[in-house]
PDB file of N, CA and C in Angstrom:
ATOM      1  N   MET A   1      99.566 118.490  85.203  1.00  0.00           N
ATOM      2  CA  MET A   1      99.140 117.256  84.581  1.00  0.00           C
ATOM      3  C   MET A   1      98.859 117.476  83.107  1.00  0.00           C
ATOM      4  N   ARG A   2      98.450 118.695  82.742  1.00  0.00           N
ATOM      5  CA  ARG A   2      98.177 118.978  81.336  1.00  0.00           C
ATOM      6  C   ARG A   2      99.445 118.934  80.504  1.00  0.00           C
ATOM      7  N   ILE A   3     100.582 119.171  81.136  1.00  0.00           N
ATOM      8  CA  ILE A   3     101.848 119.119  80.420  1.00  0.00           C
ATOM      9  C   ILE A   3     102.166 117.688  80.016  1.00  0.00           C
ATOM     10  N   LEU A   4     101.763 116.715  80.813  1.00  0.00           N
ATOM     11  CA  LEU A   4     102.063 115.314  80.543  1.00  0.00           C
ATOM     12  C   LEU A   4     101.118 114.677  79.538  1.00  0.00           C
ATOM     13  N   ALA A   5     100.014 115.328  79.196  1.00  0.00           N
ATOM     14  CA  ALA A   5      99.024 114.734  78.298  1.00  0.00           C
ATOM     15  C   ALA A   5      99.623 114.326  76.948  1.00  0.00           C
ATOM     16  N   PRO A   6     100.453 115.155  76.277  1.00  0.00           N
ATOM     17  CA  PRO A   6     101.030 114.700  75.014  1.00  0.00           C
ATOM     18  C   PRO A   6     101.956 113.501  75.185  1.00  0.00           C
ATOM     19  N   PHE A   7     102.664 113.437  76.300  1.00  0.00           N
ATOM     20  CA  PHE A   7     103.557 112.310  76.531  1.00  0.00           C
ATOM     21  C   PHE A   7     102.767 111.030  76.759  1.00  0.00           C
ATOM     22  N   ILE A   8     101.641 111.134  77.462  1.00  0.00           N
ATOM     23  CA  ILE A   8     100.799 109.959  77.688  1.00  0.00           C
ATOM     24  C   ILE A   8     100.240 109.459  76.361  1.00  0.00           C
ATOM     25  N   ALA A   9      99.808 110.380  75.509  1.00  0.00           N
ATOM     26  CA  ALA A   9      99.292 109.982  74.195  1.00  0.00           C
ATOM     27  C   ALA A   9     100.387 109.336  73.354  1.00  0.00           C
ATOM     28  N   ALA A  10     101.600 109.873  73.423  1.00  0.00           N
ATOM     29  CA  ALA A  10     102.706 109.297  72.655  1.00  0.00           C
ATOM     30  C   ALA A  10     103.074 107.914  73.170  1.00  0.00           C
ATOM     31  N   LEU A  11     103.017 107.727  74.476  1.00  0.00           N
ATOM     32  CA  LEU A  11     103.342 106.417  75.032  1.00  0.00           C
ATOM     33  C   LEU A  11     102.346 105.355  74.603  1.00  0.00           C
ATOM     34  N   SER A  12     101.086 105.730  74.478  1.00  0.00           N
ATOM     35  CA  SER A  12     100.103 104.745  74.045  1.00  0.00           C
ATOM     36  C   SER A  12     100.338 104.337  72.596  1.00  0.00           C
ATOM     37  N   LEU A  13     100.947 105.223  71.813  1.00  0.00           N
ATOM     38  CA  LEU A  13     101.259 104.885  70.428  1.00  0.00           C
ATOM     39  C   LEU A  13     102.489 104.003  70.321  1.00  0.00           C
ATOM     40  N   LEU A  14     103.313 103.965  71.351  1.00  0.00           N
ATOM     41  CA  LEU A  14     104.545 103.204  71.300  1.00  0.00           C
ATOM     42  C   LEU A  14     104.376 101.750  71.714  1.00  0.00           C
ATOM     43  N   ALA A  15     103.190 101.337  72.082  1.00  0.00           N
ATOM     44  CA  ALA A  15     102.964  99.960  72.493  1.00  0.00           C
ATOM     45  C   ALA A  15     103.187  99.032  71.298  1.00  0.00           C
ATOM     46  N   PRO A  16     103.819  97.878  71.529  1.00  0.00           N
ATOM     47  CA  PRO A  16     104.087  96.965  70.421  1.00  0.00           C
ATOM     48  C   PRO A  16     102.788  96.435  69.822  1.00  0.00           C
ATOM     49  N   THR A  17     102.706  96.464  68.513  1.00  0.00           N
ATOM     50  CA  THR A  17     101.518  95.991  67.818  1.00  0.00           C
ATOM     51  C   THR A  17     101.925  95.079  66.680  1.00  0.00           C
ATOM     52  N   ALA A  18     100.944  94.456  66.062  1.00  0.00           N
ATOM     53  CA  ALA A  18     101.218  93.579  64.927  1.00  0.00           C
ATOM     54  C   ALA A  18     101.741  94.384  63.744  1.00  0.00           C
ATOM     55  N   ALA A  19     101.295  95.617  63.606  1.00  0.00           N
ATOM     56  CA  ALA A  19     101.766  96.455  62.503  1.00  0.00           C
ATOM     57  C   ALA A  19     103.244  96.784  62.660  1.00  0.00           C
ATOM     58  N   GLN A  20     103.714  96.917  63.892  1.00  0.00           N
ATOM     59  CA  GLN A  20     105.120  97.210  64.093  1.00  0.00           C
ATOM     60  C   GLN A  20     105.985  95.992  63.824  1.00  0.00           C
ATOM     61  N   ALA A  21     105.410  94.804  63.942  1.00  0.00           N
ATOM     62  CA  ALA A  21     106.173  93.598  63.670  1.00  0.00           C
ATOM     63  C   ALA A  21     106.544  93.526  62.202  1.00  0.00           C
ATOM     64  N   GLN A  22     105.761  94.137  61.324  1.00  0.00           N
ATOM     65  CA  GLN A  22     106.033  94.160  59.900  1.00  0.00           C
ATOM     66  C   GLN A  22     106.656  95.495  59.532  1.00  0.00           C
ATOM     67  N   SER A  23     107.819  95.793  60.109  1.00  0.00           N
ATOM     68  CA  SER A  23     108.454  97.086  59.891  1.00  0.00           C
ATOM     69  C   SER A  23     109.001  97.185  58.481  1.00  0.00           C
ATOM     70  N   THR A  24     109.038  98.403  57.976  1.00  0.00           N
ATOM     71  CA  THR A  24     109.543  98.640  56.634  1.00  0.00           C
ATOM     72  C   THR A  24     111.057  98.702  56.649  1.00  0.00           C
ATOM     73  N   ALA A  25     111.646  98.612  55.485  1.00  0.00           N
ATOM     74  CA  ALA A  25     113.100  98.625  55.362  1.00  0.00           C
ATOM     75  C   ALA A  25     113.654  99.958  55.837  1.00  0.00           C
ATOM     76  N   GLY A  26     114.703  99.923  56.628  1.00  0.00           N
ATOM     77  CA  GLY A  26     115.355 101.133  57.108  1.00  0.00           C
ATOM     78  C   GLY A  26     114.763 101.709  58.373  1.00  0.00           C
ATOM     79  N   SER A  27     113.727 101.091  58.918  1.00  0.00           N
ATOM     80  CA  SER A  27     113.116 101.642  60.119  1.00  0.00           C
ATOM     81  C   SER A  27     113.717 101.056  61.389  1.00  0.00           C
ATOM     82  N   GLY A  28     114.715 100.221  61.281  1.00  0.00           N
ATOM     83  CA  GLY A  28     115.323  99.583  62.443  1.00  0.00           C
ATOM     84  C   GLY A  28     115.832 100.558  63.487  1.00  0.00           C
ATOM     85  N   PRO A  29     116.665 101.536  63.106  1.00  0.00           N
ATOM     86  CA  PRO A  29     117.167 102.482  64.106  1.00  0.00           C
ATOM     87  C   PRO A  29     116.069 103.347  64.721  1.00  0.00           C
ATOM     88  N   ILE A  30     115.099 103.746  63.919  1.00  0.00           N
ATOM     89  CA  ILE A  30     114.000 104.569  64.436  1.00  0.00           C
ATOM     90  C   ILE A  30     113.154 103.757  65.407  1.00  0.00           C
ATOM     91  N   GLU A  31     112.862 102.526  65.016  1.00  0.00           N
ATOM     92  CA  GLU A  31     112.065 101.656  65.875  1.00  0.00           C
ATOM     93  C   GLU A  31     112.796 101.365  67.183  1.00  0.00           C
ATOM     94  N   ALA A  32     114.099 101.129  67.086  1.00  0.00           N
ATOM     95  CA  ALA A  32     114.896 100.878  68.289  1.00  0.00           C
ATOM     96  C   ALA A  32     114.904 102.099  69.202  1.00  0.00           C
ATOM     97  N   ALA A  33     114.994 103.292  68.616  1.00  0.00           N
ATOM     98  CA  ALA A  33     114.984 104.513  69.415  1.00  0.00           C
ATOM     99  C   ALA A  33     113.641 104.711  70.113  1.00  0.00           C
ATOM    100  N   LEU A  34     112.545 104.412  69.409  1.00  0.00           N
ATOM    101  CA  LEU A  34     111.224 104.546  70.019  1.00  0.00           C
ATOM    102  C   LEU A  34     111.022 103.539  71.146  1.00  0.00           C
ATOM    103  N   TYR A  35     111.512 102.310  70.963  1.00  0.00           N
ATOM    104  CA  TYR A  35     111.416 101.327  72.041  1.00  0.00           C
ATOM    105  C   TYR A  35     112.284 101.724  73.228  1.00  0.00           C
ATOM    106  N   TRP A  36     113.420 102.369  72.965  1.00  0.00           N
ATOM    107  CA  TRP A  36     114.267 102.850  74.055  1.00  0.00           C
ATOM    108  C   TRP A  36     113.532 103.938  74.848  1.00  0.00           C
ATOM    109  N   ILE A  37     112.885 104.868  74.137  1.00  0.00           N
ATOM    110  CA  ILE A  37     112.120 105.925  74.805  1.00  0.00           C
ATOM    111  C   ILE A  37     110.984 105.312  75.615  1.00  0.00           C
ATOM    112  N   GLN A  38     110.296 104.321  75.032  1.00  0.00           N
ATOM    113  CA  GLN A  38     109.212 103.661  75.752  1.00  0.00           C
ATOM    114  C   GLN A  38     109.733 102.984  77.015  1.00  0.00           C
ATOM    115  N   GLY A  39     110.842 102.281  76.909  1.00  0.00           N
ATOM    116  CA  GLY A  39     111.420 101.620  78.077  1.00  0.00           C
ATOM    117  C   GLY A  39     111.856 102.601  79.142  1.00  0.00           C
ATOM    118  N   THR A  40     112.409 103.723  78.710  1.00  0.00           N
ATOM    119  CA  THR A  40     112.848 104.746  79.659  1.00  0.00           C
ATOM    120  C   THR A  40     111.660 105.401  80.349  1.00  0.00           C
ATOM    121  N   MET A  41     110.633 105.747  79.571  1.00  0.00           N
ATOM    122  CA  MET A  41     109.482 106.451  80.140  1.00  0.00           C
ATOM    123  C   MET A  41     108.623 105.550  81.024  1.00  0.00           C
ATOM    124  N   LEU A  42     108.597 104.249  80.735  1.00  0.00           N
ATOM    125  CA  LEU A  42     107.779 103.343  81.537  1.00  0.00           C
ATOM    126  C   LEU A  42     108.589 102.628  82.608  1.00  0.00           C
ATOM    127  N   GLY A  43     109.876 102.874  82.659  1.00  0.00           N
ATOM    128  CA  GLY A  43     110.722 102.206  83.639  1.00  0.00           C
ATOM    129  C   GLY A  43     110.884 103.042  84.893  1.00  0.00           C
ATOM    130  N   ASN A  44     112.129 103.334  85.212  1.00  0.00           N
ATOM    131  CA  ASN A  44     112.451 104.043  86.449  1.00  0.00           C
ATOM    132  C   ASN A  44     111.921 105.472  86.468  1.00  0.00           C
ATOM    133  N   VAL A  45     111.908 106.121  85.311  1.00  0.00           N
ATOM    134  CA  VAL A  45     111.458 107.521  85.249  1.00  0.00           C
ATOM    135  C   VAL A  45     109.983 107.618  85.632  1.00  0.00           C
ATOM    136  N   ALA A  46     109.157 106.794  84.994  1.00  0.00           N
ATOM    137  CA  ALA A  46     107.717 106.850  85.279  1.00  0.00           C
ATOM    138  C   ALA A  46     107.425 106.426  86.712  1.00  0.00           C
ATOM    139  N   THR A  47     108.151 105.440  87.195  1.00  0.00           N
ATOM    140  CA  THR A  47     107.935 104.984  88.564  1.00  0.00           C
ATOM    141  C   THR A  47     108.278 106.084  89.559  1.00  0.00           C
ATOM    142  N   ALA A  48     109.394 106.772  89.345  1.00  0.00           N
ATOM    143  CA  ALA A  48     109.793 107.847  90.251  1.00  0.00           C
ATOM    144  C   ALA A  48     108.795 109.001  90.219  1.00  0.00           C
ATOM    145  N   VAL A  49     108.342 109.371  89.037  1.00  0.00           N
ATOM    146  CA  VAL A  49     107.370 110.467  88.919  1.00  0.00           C
ATOM    147  C   VAL A  49     106.045 110.081  89.571  1.00  0.00           C
ATOM    148  N   ALA A  50     105.615 108.829  89.375  1.00  0.00           N
ATOM    149  CA  ALA A  50     104.362 108.382  89.983  1.00  0.00           C
ATOM    150  C   ALA A  50     104.452 108.378  91.502  1.00  0.00           C
ATOM    151  N   VAL A  51     105.589 107.956  92.038  1.00  0.00           N
ATOM    152  CA  VAL A  51     105.766 107.953  93.492  1.00  0.00           C
ATOM    153  C   VAL A  51     105.714 109.371  94.038  1.00  0.00           C
ATOM    154  N   MET A  52     106.377 110.309  93.351  1.00  0.00           N
ATOM    155  CA  MET A  52     106.360 111.699  93.809  1.00  0.00           C
ATOM    156  C   MET A  52     104.958 112.302  93.721  1.00  0.00           C
ATOM    157  N   ALA A  53     104.216 111.964  92.660  1.00  0.00           N
ATOM    158  CA  ALA A  53     102.862 112.503  92.511  1.00  0.00           C
ATOM    159  C   ALA A  53     101.939 111.966  93.599  1.00  0.00           C
ATOM    160  N   VAL A  54     102.028 110.670  93.891  1.00  0.00           N
ATOM    161  CA  VAL A  54     101.191 110.096  94.941  1.00  0.00           C
ATOM    162  C   VAL A  54     101.601 110.648  96.303  1.00  0.00           C
ATOM    163  N   ALA A  55     102.903 110.862  96.510  1.00  0.00           N
ATOM    164  CA  ALA A  55     103.363 111.456  97.766  1.00  0.00           C
ATOM    165  C   ALA A  55     102.838 112.881  97.919  1.00  0.00           C
ATOM    166  N   ALA A  56     102.802 113.640  96.825  1.00  0.00           N
ATOM    167  CA  ALA A  56     102.264 115.003  96.886  1.00  0.00           C
ATOM    168  C   ALA A  56     100.798 114.992  97.271  1.00  0.00           C
ATOM    169  N   VAL A  57     100.043 114.055  96.710  1.00  0.00           N
ATOM    170  CA  VAL A  57      98.630 113.924  97.081  1.00  0.00           C
ATOM    171  C   VAL A  57      98.509 113.559  98.551  1.00  0.00           C
ATOM    172  N   GLY A  58      99.384 112.677  99.027  1.00  0.00           N
ATOM    173  CA  GLY A  58      99.373 112.306 100.437  1.00  0.00           C
ATOM    174  C   GLY A  58      99.662 113.485 101.352  1.00  0.00           C
ATOM    175  N   PHE A  59     100.641 114.312 100.979  1.00  0.00           N
ATOM    176  CA  PHE A  59     100.945 115.494 101.792  1.00  0.00           C
ATOM    177  C   PHE A  59      99.778 116.480 101.787  1.00  0.00           C
ATOM    178  N   LEU A  60      99.103 116.616 100.654  1.00  0.00           N
ATOM    179  CA  LEU A  60      97.930 117.485 100.612  1.00  0.00           C
ATOM    180  C   LEU A  60      96.829 116.961 101.524  1.00  0.00           C
ATOM    181  N   MET A  61      96.686 115.637 101.576  1.00  0.00           N
ATOM    182  CA  MET A  61      95.689 115.052 102.476  1.00  0.00           C
ATOM    183  C   MET A  61      96.061 115.303 103.934  1.00  0.00           C
ATOM    184  N   LEU A  62      97.345 115.177 104.246  1.00  0.00           N
ATOM    185  CA  LEU A  62      97.786 115.387 105.623  1.00  0.00           C
ATOM    186  C   LEU A  62      97.550 116.815 106.102  1.00  0.00           C
ATOM    187  N   THR A  63      97.712 117.773 105.199  1.00  0.00           N
ATOM    188  CA  THR A  63      97.551 119.169 105.591  1.00  0.00           C
ATOM    189  C   THR A  63      96.112 119.655 105.466  1.00  0.00           C
ATOM    190  N   GLY A  64      95.231 118.794 104.954  1.00  0.00           N
ATOM    191  CA  GLY A  64      93.828 119.168 104.844  1.00  0.00           C
ATOM    192  C   GLY A  64      93.507 120.051 103.662  1.00  0.00           C
ATOM    193  N   ARG A  65      94.403 120.132 102.693  1.00  0.00           N
ATOM    194  CA  ARG A  65      94.171 120.968 101.509  1.00  0.00           C
ATOM    195  C   ARG A  65      93.985 120.116 100.263  1.00  0.00           C
ATOM    196  N   MET A  66      93.380 118.968 100.425  1.00  0.00           N
ATOM    197  CA  MET A  66      93.243 118.022  99.325  1.00  0.00           C
ATOM    198  C   MET A  66      92.217 118.494  98.305  1.00  0.00           C
ATOM    199  N   ASN A  67      92.641 118.579  97.056  1.00  0.00           N
ATOM    200  CA  ASN A  67      91.748 118.843  95.934  1.00  0.00           C
ATOM    201  C   ASN A  67      91.422 117.473  95.339  1.00  0.00           C
ATOM    202  N   TRP A  68      90.193 117.020  95.480  1.00  0.00           N
ATOM    203  CA  TRP A  68      89.840 115.660  95.086  1.00  0.00           C
ATOM    204  C   TRP A  68      89.971 115.443  93.592  1.00  0.00           C
ATOM    205  N   ARG A  69      89.752 116.459  92.801  1.00  0.00           N
ATOM    206  CA  ARG A  69      89.916 116.314  91.355  1.00  0.00           C
ATOM    207  C   ARG A  69      91.381 116.065  91.012  1.00  0.00           C
ATOM    208  N   PHE A  70      92.289 116.787  91.686  1.00  0.00           N
ATOM    209  CA  PHE A  70      93.716 116.575  91.465  1.00  0.00           C
ATOM    210  C   PHE A  70      94.139 115.165  91.889  1.00  0.00           C
ATOM    211  N   GLY A  71      93.640 114.725  93.036  1.00  0.00           N
ATOM    212  CA  GLY A  71      93.964 113.382  93.519  1.00  0.00           C
ATOM    213  C   GLY A  71      93.488 112.301  92.568  1.00  0.00           C
ATOM    214  N   ALA A  72      92.266 112.438  92.077  1.00  0.00           N
ATOM    215  CA  ALA A  72      91.729 111.462  91.127  1.00  0.00           C
ATOM    216  C   ALA A  72      92.502 111.487  89.818  1.00  0.00           C
ATOM    217  N   THR A  73      92.905 112.674  89.380  1.00  0.00           N
ATOM    218  CA  THR A  73      93.689 112.795  88.155  1.00  0.00           C
ATOM    219  C   THR A  73      95.028 112.083  88.287  1.00  0.00           C
ATOM    220  N   VAL A  74      95.673 112.220  89.420  1.00  0.00           N
ATOM    221  CA  VAL A  74      96.955 111.563  89.642  1.00  0.00           C
ATOM    222  C   VAL A  74      96.796 110.043  89.604  1.00  0.00           C
ATOM    223  N   ILE A  75      95.801 109.527  90.301  1.00  0.00           N
ATOM    224  CA  ILE A  75      95.599 108.078  90.351  1.00  0.00           C
ATOM    225  C   ILE A  75      95.232 107.526  88.976  1.00  0.00           C
ATOM    226  N   ILE A  76      94.319 108.185  88.277  1.00  0.00           N
ATOM    227  CA  ILE A  76      93.927 107.732  86.938  1.00  0.00           C
ATOM    228  C   ILE A  76      95.101 107.838  85.973  1.00  0.00           C
ATOM    229  N   GLY A  77      95.894 108.898  86.101  1.00  0.00           N
ATOM    230  CA  GLY A  77      97.076 109.045  85.248  1.00  0.00           C
ATOM    231  C   GLY A  77      98.078 107.922  85.451  1.00  0.00           C
ATOM    232  N   CYS A  78      98.272 107.508  86.687  1.00  0.00           N
ATOM    233  CA  CYS A  78      99.186 106.384  86.962  1.00  0.00           C
ATOM    234  C   CYS A  78      98.677 105.103  86.320  1.00  0.00           C
ATOM    235  N   PHE A  79      97.370 104.859  86.438  1.00  0.00           N
ATOM    236  CA  PHE A  79      96.810 103.668  85.807  1.00  0.00           C
ATOM    237  C   PHE A  79      96.976 103.714  84.290  1.00  0.00           C
ATOM    238  N   ILE A  80      96.770 104.861  83.684  1.00  0.00           N
ATOM    239  CA  ILE A  80      96.894 104.977  82.229  1.00  0.00           C
ATOM    240  C   ILE A  80      98.335 104.788  81.782  1.00  0.00           C
ATOM    241  N   ILE A  81      99.281 105.404  82.485  1.00  0.00           N
ATOM    242  CA  ILE A  81     100.684 105.290  82.084  1.00  0.00           C
ATOM    243  C   ILE A  81     101.158 103.850  82.172  1.00  0.00           C
ATOM    244  N   PHE A  82     100.916 103.207  83.304  1.00  0.00           N
ATOM    245  CA  PHE A  82     101.440 101.863  83.485  1.00  0.00           C
ATOM    246  C   PHE A  82     100.588 100.797  82.801  1.00  0.00           C
ATOM    247  N   GLY A  83      99.375 101.127  82.412  1.00  0.00           N
ATOM    248  CA  GLY A  83      98.527 100.167  81.710  1.00  0.00           C
ATOM    249  C   GLY A  83      98.354 100.491  80.239  1.00  0.00           C
ATOM    250  N   ALA A  84      99.203 101.360  79.697  1.00  0.00           N
ATOM    251  CA  ALA A  84      99.045 101.804  78.307  1.00  0.00           C
ATOM    252  C   ALA A  84      99.080 100.642  77.322  1.00  0.00           C
ATOM    253  N   ALA A  85     100.021  99.720  77.480  1.00  0.00           N
ATOM    254  CA  ALA A  85     100.130  98.597  76.549  1.00  0.00           C
ATOM    255  C   ALA A  85      98.884  97.714  76.607  1.00  0.00           C
ATOM    256  N   THR A  86      98.374  97.489  77.797  1.00  0.00           N
ATOM    257  CA  THR A  86      97.176  96.664  77.953  1.00  0.00           C
ATOM    258  C   THR A  86      95.946  97.377  77.376  1.00  0.00           C
ATOM    259  N   ILE A  87      95.864  98.684  77.583  1.00  0.00           N
ATOM    260  CA  ILE A  87      94.734  99.454  77.050  1.00  0.00           C
ATOM    261  C   ILE A  87      94.736  99.414  75.528  1.00  0.00           C
ATOM    262  N   VAL A  88      95.897  99.616  74.914  1.00  0.00           N
ATOM    263  CA  VAL A  88      95.994  99.598  73.453  1.00  0.00           C
ATOM    264  C   VAL A  88      95.679  98.209  72.913  1.00  0.00           C
ATOM    265  N   ALA A  89      96.175  97.158  73.574  1.00  0.00           N
ATOM    266  CA  ALA A  89      95.889  95.789  73.126  1.00  0.00           C
ATOM    267  C   ALA A  89      94.391  95.497  73.203  1.00  0.00           C
ATOM    268  N   GLY A  90      93.732  95.983  74.242  1.00  0.00           N
ATOM    269  CA  GLY A  90      92.289  95.795  74.361  1.00  0.00           C
ATOM    270  C   GLY A  90      91.519  96.515  73.273  1.00  0.00           C
ATOM    271  N   ILE A  91      91.938  97.723  72.961  1.00  0.00           N
ATOM    272  CA  ILE A  91      91.279  98.483  71.892  1.00  0.00           C
ATOM    273  C   ILE A  91      91.492  97.802  70.553  1.00  0.00           C
ATOM    274  N   GLN A  92      92.702  97.300  70.312  1.00  0.00           N
ATOM    275  CA  GLN A  92      92.983  96.631  69.036  1.00  0.00           C
ATOM    276  C   GLN A  92      92.185  95.346  68.909  1.00  0.00           C
ATOM    277  N   SER A  93      92.067  94.591  69.991  1.00  0.00           N
ATOM    278  CA  SER A  93      91.304  93.342  69.899  1.00  0.00           C
ATOM    279  C   SER A  93      89.814  93.621  69.717  1.00  0.00           C
ATOM    280  N   ALA A  94      89.316  94.703  70.301  1.00  0.00           N
ATOM    281  CA  ALA A  94      87.909  95.070  70.127  1.00  0.00           C
ATOM    282  C   ALA A  94      87.645  95.567  68.716  1.00  0.00           C
ATOM    283  N   ALA A  95      88.644  96.202  68.102  1.00  0.00           N
ATOM    284  CA  ALA A  95      88.472  96.762  66.769  1.00  0.00           C
ATOM    285  C   ALA A  95      88.807  95.755  65.668  1.00  0.00           C
ATOM    286  N   ALA A  96      89.374  94.603  66.018  1.00  0.00           N
ATOM    287  CA  ALA A  96      89.771  93.627  65.019  1.00  0.00           C
ATOM    288  C   ALA A  96      88.517  93.040  64.354  1.00  0.00           C
ATOM    289  N   VAL A  97      88.589  92.949  63.048  1.00  0.00           N
ATOM    290  CA  VAL A  97      87.470  92.398  62.276  1.00  0.00           C
ATOM    291  C   VAL A  97      87.836  90.956  61.939  1.00  0.00           C
ATOM    292  N   GLY A  98      86.938  90.073  62.220  1.00  0.00           N
ATOM    293  CA  GLY A  98      87.235  88.689  61.841  1.00  0.00           C
ATOM    294  C   GLY A  98      86.878  87.749  62.845  1.00  0.00           C
TER     295      GLY A  98
END
């Protein structure tokens, strides 16, 4: 799970914001590439990885070798990955002055 931490942080930065709507000249291809990565990581890839992680936790429960910290980390990680855009929007609205 520690290997995925930088990817989770990067995904939270890729959420669409008002600052990205005012892109600078020449950033079109870079912005398009970042949105493609975001779509790929939050689409089928993230769903497949989340299903495998939850299945692994389930198998650990079945065999009686469940590490509760690992199980909680998997569940919280799934919520963070799939709720990244909502989390960032909430932080931005809380930090907005005005």
